Each structure stands twice: as C-alpha cells, then as structure tokens.
Amino acid sequence: NYPYMKNWRTPKLKRLAHAFLSFKDEKEALNFLRDLCTLDELEEMSQRWQIAQLLYKGESYRAIAEKTKVSTTTVTRIAQWLEHGEGGYSTALKKVEKK
C-alpha cells in the first residue's frame, strides 16, 4: 500500500461521492460527468471500466489489450485494483451483472 494514499477519503471526495448518489437516472449522471470531466478523462474512465468488465468475465490480458487498444501493463494495473483495491470494482460489477 502507498503511505500517501492512507487519507485518500477526503471531505471533498466524499462530497463528490454524495453528488453521484443524488442522481435519479442515467441522464443526470451523464450530464454531471460531462460537466465534471474532459472528454479524454471520460474516455479513460470508460476504458478502465470496460477493462474491469472484461477481466471479470475472465478474458485474457492479451485479448483485453487487443480489444481495448491498451498495453497489457494497463490491463495488469486494473487487474491489481480489481483484486487488491477497495472493492469498488467488484461491488459495481456484481451490481451491474444483476441488472
């Protein structure tokens, strides 16, 4: 673990999380994301989510790298967060899978 990351749950990040919890539908969330992030940031986050979904389905790192046009290093980094992070990816993947 990274020592500089132990206090990452800052008050301002918590306020951002509460903003996400306030949306009633996908359109509101998308509008907020567009106002909050640059197009490049949105693409990068969307790509990370796609990679997490493919890892969850059991696809190989190489297949994911080819499909998403990222390096296997990037896939490996996301796999590490999926396995050893705070559980956010896993929670979201399980909730999305139920729908």
N, C-alpha and C. Protein backbone atom coordinates (compact mmCIF):
# COMPACT_ATOMS: atom_id res chain seq x y z
N ASN A 1 0.83 -1.20 0.00
CA ASN A 1 0.00 0.00 0.00
C ASN A 1 0.87 1.25 0.00
N TYR A 2 0.31 2.30 -0.51
CA TYR A 2 1.04 3.55 -0.63
C TYR A 2 0.78 4.42 0.60
N PRO A 3 1.84 4.83 1.31
CA PRO A 3 1.63 5.64 2.51
C PRO A 3 0.89 6.94 2.24
N TYR A 4 1.11 7.54 1.08
CA TYR A 4 0.45 8.81 0.76
C TYR A 4 -1.03 8.61 0.43
N MET A 5 -1.47 7.36 0.33
CA MET A 5 -2.86 7.09 -0.04
C MET A 5 -3.72 6.78 1.18
N LYS A 6 -3.16 6.74 2.38
CA LYS A 6 -3.96 6.31 3.52
C LYS A 6 -5.09 7.27 3.85
N ASN A 7 -4.96 8.52 3.49
CA ASN A 7 -6.01 9.50 3.77
C ASN A 7 -6.68 10.00 2.49
N TRP A 8 -6.93 9.09 1.56
CA TRP A 8 -7.50 9.49 0.27
C TRP A 8 -8.99 9.82 0.37
N ARG A 9 -9.66 9.38 1.42
CA ARG A 9 -11.10 9.67 1.59
C ARG A 9 -11.27 11.05 2.21
N THR A 10 -10.95 12.05 1.43
CA THR A 10 -11.00 13.43 1.91
C THR A 10 -12.45 13.93 1.95
N PRO A 11 -12.71 14.99 2.71
CA PRO A 11 -14.06 15.56 2.72
C PRO A 11 -14.54 15.96 1.32
N LYS A 12 -13.66 16.52 0.50
CA LYS A 12 -14.13 16.94 -0.83
C LYS A 12 -14.43 15.74 -1.72
N LEU A 13 -13.70 14.63 -1.55
CA LEU A 13 -14.02 13.43 -2.32
C LEU A 13 -15.34 12.84 -1.84
N LYS A 14 -15.58 12.90 -0.55
CA LYS A 14 -16.86 12.41 -0.01
C LYS A 14 -18.02 13.24 -0.55
N ARG A 15 -17.82 14.55 -0.68
CA ARG A 15 -18.88 15.40 -1.26
C ARG A 15 -19.15 15.01 -2.71
N LEU A 16 -18.09 14.66 -3.45
CA LEU A 16 -18.26 14.21 -4.83
C LEU A 16 -19.05 12.90 -4.86
N ALA A 17 -18.72 11.98 -3.97
CA ALA A 17 -19.45 10.72 -3.90
C ALA A 17 -20.93 10.97 -3.61
N HIS A 18 -21.21 11.89 -2.72
CA HIS A 18 -22.61 12.22 -2.40
C HIS A 18 -23.33 12.81 -3.61
N ALA A 19 -22.61 13.56 -4.42
CA ALA A 19 -23.22 14.09 -5.65
C ALA A 19 -23.64 12.94 -6.56
N PHE A 20 -22.79 11.92 -6.70
CA PHE A 20 -23.15 10.76 -7.51
C PHE A 20 -24.38 10.04 -6.96
N LEU A 21 -24.47 9.98 -5.66
CA LEU A 21 -25.61 9.30 -5.04
C LEU A 21 -26.92 10.06 -5.21
N SER A 22 -26.84 11.32 -5.59
CA SER A 22 -28.04 12.14 -5.70
C SER A 22 -28.79 11.98 -7.03
N PHE A 23 -28.18 11.35 -8.01
CA PHE A 23 -28.81 11.27 -9.34
C PHE A 23 -29.97 10.30 -9.36
N LYS A 24 -31.03 10.68 -10.08
CA LYS A 24 -32.20 9.81 -10.17
C LYS A 24 -32.15 8.91 -11.39
N ASP A 25 -31.31 9.27 -12.39
CA ASP A 25 -31.26 8.44 -13.59
C ASP A 25 -29.92 8.62 -14.32
N GLU A 26 -29.76 7.80 -15.36
CA GLU A 26 -28.53 7.80 -16.15
C GLU A 26 -28.27 9.15 -16.79
N LYS A 27 -29.31 9.81 -17.29
CA LYS A 27 -29.12 11.10 -17.96
C LYS A 27 -28.51 12.13 -17.00
N GLU A 28 -29.01 12.20 -15.78
CA GLU A 28 -28.44 13.14 -14.80
C GLU A 28 -26.98 12.82 -14.52
N ALA A 29 -26.67 11.53 -14.37
CA ALA A 29 -25.28 11.13 -14.09
C ALA A 29 -24.37 11.47 -15.27
N LEU A 30 -24.85 11.20 -16.48
CA LEU A 30 -24.05 11.51 -17.67
C LEU A 30 -23.82 13.01 -17.81
N ASN A 31 -24.84 13.80 -17.57
CA ASN A 31 -24.69 15.26 -17.66
C ASN A 31 -23.68 15.77 -16.64
N PHE A 32 -23.72 15.23 -15.43
CA PHE A 32 -22.76 15.62 -14.40
C PHE A 32 -21.35 15.22 -14.80
N LEU A 33 -21.19 13.97 -15.27
CA LEU A 33 -19.86 13.52 -15.70
C LEU A 33 -19.30 14.40 -16.81
N ARG A 34 -20.15 14.77 -17.76
CA ARG A 34 -19.68 15.62 -18.87
C ARG A 34 -19.25 16.99 -18.37
N ASP A 35 -19.97 17.56 -17.41
CA ASP A 35 -19.59 18.85 -16.87
C ASP A 35 -18.34 18.75 -16.00
N LEU A 36 -18.17 17.62 -15.34
CA LEU A 36 -17.06 17.43 -14.40
C LEU A 36 -15.74 17.12 -15.10
N CYS A 37 -15.79 16.34 -16.16
CA CYS A 37 -14.58 15.78 -16.77
C CYS A 37 -14.36 16.26 -18.19
N THR A 38 -13.09 16.20 -18.61
CA THR A 38 -12.78 16.44 -20.01
C THR A 38 -13.18 15.20 -20.81
N LEU A 39 -13.26 15.34 -22.11
CA LEU A 39 -13.59 14.18 -22.95
C LEU A 39 -12.53 13.09 -22.80
N ASP A 40 -11.27 13.48 -22.69
CA ASP A 40 -10.20 12.49 -22.50
C ASP A 40 -10.36 11.75 -21.18
N GLU A 41 -10.72 12.46 -20.12
CA GLU A 41 -10.93 11.81 -18.82
C GLU A 41 -12.11 10.85 -18.88
N LEU A 42 -13.18 11.25 -19.56
CA LEU A 42 -14.34 10.37 -19.70
C LEU A 42 -13.97 9.11 -20.48
N GLU A 43 -13.19 9.28 -21.53
CA GLU A 43 -12.75 8.13 -22.33
C GLU A 43 -11.88 7.20 -21.49
N GLU A 44 -10.97 7.76 -20.74
CA GLU A 44 -10.07 6.94 -19.91
C GLU A 44 -10.85 6.17 -18.84
N MET A 45 -11.78 6.83 -18.16
CA MET A 45 -12.56 6.14 -17.14
C MET A 45 -13.46 5.07 -17.76
N SER A 46 -14.05 5.38 -18.92
CA SER A 46 -14.89 4.40 -19.61
C SER A 46 -14.08 3.18 -20.02
N GLN A 47 -12.87 3.44 -20.46
CA GLN A 47 -11.99 2.35 -20.88
C GLN A 47 -11.58 1.49 -19.68
N ARG A 48 -11.27 2.10 -18.55
CA ARG A 48 -10.94 1.34 -17.35
C ARG A 48 -12.11 0.45 -16.94
N TRP A 49 -13.31 0.99 -17.01
CA TRP A 49 -14.49 0.22 -16.66
C TRP A 49 -14.68 -0.95 -17.62
N GLN A 50 -14.48 -0.71 -18.91
CA GLN A 50 -14.60 -1.79 -19.91
C GLN A 50 -13.58 -2.89 -19.61
N ILE A 51 -12.36 -2.50 -19.29
CA ILE A 51 -11.31 -3.48 -18.97
C ILE A 51 -11.69 -4.28 -17.73
N ALA A 52 -12.19 -3.61 -16.70
CA ALA A 52 -12.63 -4.31 -15.49
C ALA A 52 -13.72 -5.32 -15.81
N GLN A 53 -14.67 -4.94 -16.67
CA GLN A 53 -15.74 -5.85 -17.05
C GLN A 53 -15.20 -7.07 -17.79
N LEU A 54 -14.25 -6.85 -18.68
CA LEU A 54 -13.67 -7.96 -19.44
C LEU A 54 -12.85 -8.88 -18.53
N LEU A 55 -12.12 -8.29 -17.58
CA LEU A 55 -11.38 -9.11 -16.62
C LEU A 55 -12.35 -9.96 -15.80
N TYR A 56 -13.44 -9.35 -15.38
CA TYR A 56 -14.45 -10.03 -14.57
C TYR A 56 -15.05 -11.22 -15.33
N LYS A 57 -15.16 -11.07 -16.65
CA LYS A 57 -15.69 -12.15 -17.49
C LYS A 57 -14.65 -13.24 -17.74
N GLY A 58 -13.39 -12.98 -17.33
CA GLY A 58 -12.35 -13.99 -17.47
C GLY A 58 -11.54 -13.93 -18.74
N GLU A 59 -11.65 -12.84 -19.47
CA GLU A 59 -10.87 -12.74 -20.70
C GLU A 59 -9.39 -12.57 -20.37
N SER A 60 -8.54 -13.00 -21.28
CA SER A 60 -7.10 -12.92 -21.06
C SER A 60 -6.61 -11.48 -21.17
N TYR A 61 -5.51 -11.20 -20.49
CA TYR A 61 -4.93 -9.85 -20.53
C TYR A 61 -4.62 -9.46 -21.97
N ARG A 62 -4.04 -10.38 -22.72
CA ARG A 62 -3.67 -10.08 -24.11
C ARG A 62 -4.90 -9.77 -24.96
N ALA A 63 -5.96 -10.57 -24.81
CA ALA A 63 -7.20 -10.34 -25.57
C ALA A 63 -7.81 -9.00 -25.21
N ILE A 64 -7.78 -8.66 -23.93
CA ILE A 64 -8.32 -7.37 -23.49
C ILE A 64 -7.50 -6.23 -24.05
N ALA A 65 -6.18 -6.36 -24.01
CA ALA A 65 -5.29 -5.32 -24.54
C ALA A 65 -5.56 -5.09 -26.02
N GLU A 66 -5.74 -6.17 -26.76
CA GLU A 66 -6.01 -6.04 -28.20
C GLU A 66 -7.39 -5.41 -28.44
N LYS A 67 -8.38 -5.86 -27.68
CA LYS A 67 -9.75 -5.37 -27.87
C LYS A 67 -9.88 -3.89 -27.52
N THR A 68 -9.18 -3.47 -26.46
CA THR A 68 -9.33 -2.10 -25.97
C THR A 68 -8.21 -1.16 -26.44
N LYS A 69 -7.23 -1.73 -27.12
CA LYS A 69 -6.10 -0.97 -27.66
C LYS A 69 -5.29 -0.26 -26.55
N VAL A 70 -5.06 -1.00 -25.45
CA VAL A 70 -4.19 -0.53 -24.38
C VAL A 70 -3.08 -1.56 -24.19
N SER A 71 -2.08 -1.20 -23.43
CA SER A 71 -0.98 -2.13 -23.17
C SER A 71 -1.42 -3.18 -22.15
N THR A 72 -0.72 -4.31 -22.15
CA THR A 72 -1.00 -5.32 -21.13
C THR A 72 -0.63 -4.79 -19.75
N THR A 73 0.28 -3.81 -19.69
CA THR A 73 0.63 -3.18 -18.42
C THR A 73 -0.59 -2.47 -17.84
N THR A 74 -1.34 -1.78 -18.67
CA THR A 74 -2.55 -1.10 -18.22
C THR A 74 -3.58 -2.11 -17.73
N VAL A 75 -3.74 -3.18 -18.47
CA VAL A 75 -4.68 -4.23 -18.07
C VAL A 75 -4.25 -4.81 -16.72
N THR A 76 -2.96 -5.05 -16.56
CA THR A 76 -2.43 -5.60 -15.31
C THR A 76 -2.70 -4.66 -14.15
N ARG A 77 -2.51 -3.37 -14.36
CA ARG A 77 -2.74 -2.38 -13.30
C ARG A 77 -4.21 -2.39 -12.86
N ILE A 78 -5.12 -2.46 -13.81
CA ILE A 78 -6.54 -2.50 -13.47
C ILE A 78 -6.88 -3.82 -12.78
N ALA A 79 -6.27 -4.90 -13.22
CA ALA A 79 -6.48 -6.19 -12.56
C ALA A 79 -6.01 -6.14 -11.11
N GLN A 80 -4.93 -5.45 -10.85
CA GLN A 80 -4.42 -5.31 -9.48
C GLN A 80 -5.44 -4.57 -8.61
N TRP A 81 -6.02 -3.49 -9.13
CA TRP A 81 -7.03 -2.75 -8.36
C TRP A 81 -8.28 -3.59 -8.18
N LEU A 82 -8.62 -4.38 -9.20
CA LEU A 82 -9.78 -5.26 -9.11
C LEU A 82 -9.59 -6.29 -8.00
N GLU A 83 -8.39 -6.83 -7.90
CA GLU A 83 -8.10 -7.88 -6.91
C GLU A 83 -7.72 -7.34 -5.54
N HIS A 84 -7.01 -6.22 -5.50
CA HIS A 84 -6.42 -5.75 -4.24
C HIS A 84 -6.80 -4.32 -3.87
N GLY A 85 -7.78 -3.76 -4.54
CA GLY A 85 -8.19 -2.39 -4.25
C GLY A 85 -9.16 -2.34 -3.08
N GLU A 86 -10.03 -1.38 -3.11
CA GLU A 86 -11.00 -1.17 -2.03
C GLU A 86 -12.30 -1.95 -2.24
N GLY A 87 -12.39 -2.70 -3.33
CA GLY A 87 -13.60 -3.47 -3.61
C GLY A 87 -14.64 -2.75 -4.44
N GLY A 88 -14.30 -1.55 -4.88
CA GLY A 88 -15.25 -0.76 -5.67
C GLY A 88 -15.59 -1.39 -7.01
N TYR A 89 -14.56 -1.85 -7.72
CA TYR A 89 -14.83 -2.52 -9.00
C TYR A 89 -15.73 -3.73 -8.78
N SER A 90 -15.37 -4.58 -7.82
CA SER A 90 -16.14 -5.81 -7.58
C SER A 90 -17.59 -5.51 -7.23
N THR A 91 -17.80 -4.55 -6.36
CA THR A 91 -19.16 -4.18 -5.96
C THR A 91 -19.96 -3.73 -7.17
N ALA A 92 -19.39 -2.84 -7.97
CA ALA A 92 -20.10 -2.32 -9.14
C ALA A 92 -20.34 -3.42 -10.17
N LEU A 93 -19.35 -4.28 -10.39
CA LEU A 93 -19.51 -5.36 -11.37
C LEU A 93 -20.63 -6.31 -10.96
N LYS A 94 -20.69 -6.64 -9.68
CA LYS A 94 -21.75 -7.54 -9.21
C LYS A 94 -23.13 -6.88 -9.32
N LYS A 95 -23.21 -5.58 -9.02
CA LYS A 95 -24.49 -4.88 -9.11
C LYS A 95 -24.95 -4.76 -10.56
N VAL A 96 -24.03 -4.47 -11.46
CA VAL A 96 -24.38 -4.33 -12.89
C VAL A 96 -24.78 -5.68 -13.46
N GLU A 97 -24.11 -6.74 -13.01
CA GLU A 97 -24.40 -8.09 -13.51
C GLU A 97 -25.83 -8.51 -13.16
N LYS A 98 -26.34 -8.05 -12.01
CA LYS A 98 -27.69 -8.42 -11.56
C LYS A 98 -28.78 -7.79 -12.40
N LYS A 99 -28.46 -6.68 -13.07
CA LYS A 99 -29.48 -5.96 -13.86
C LYS A 99 -29.73 -6.62 -15.19
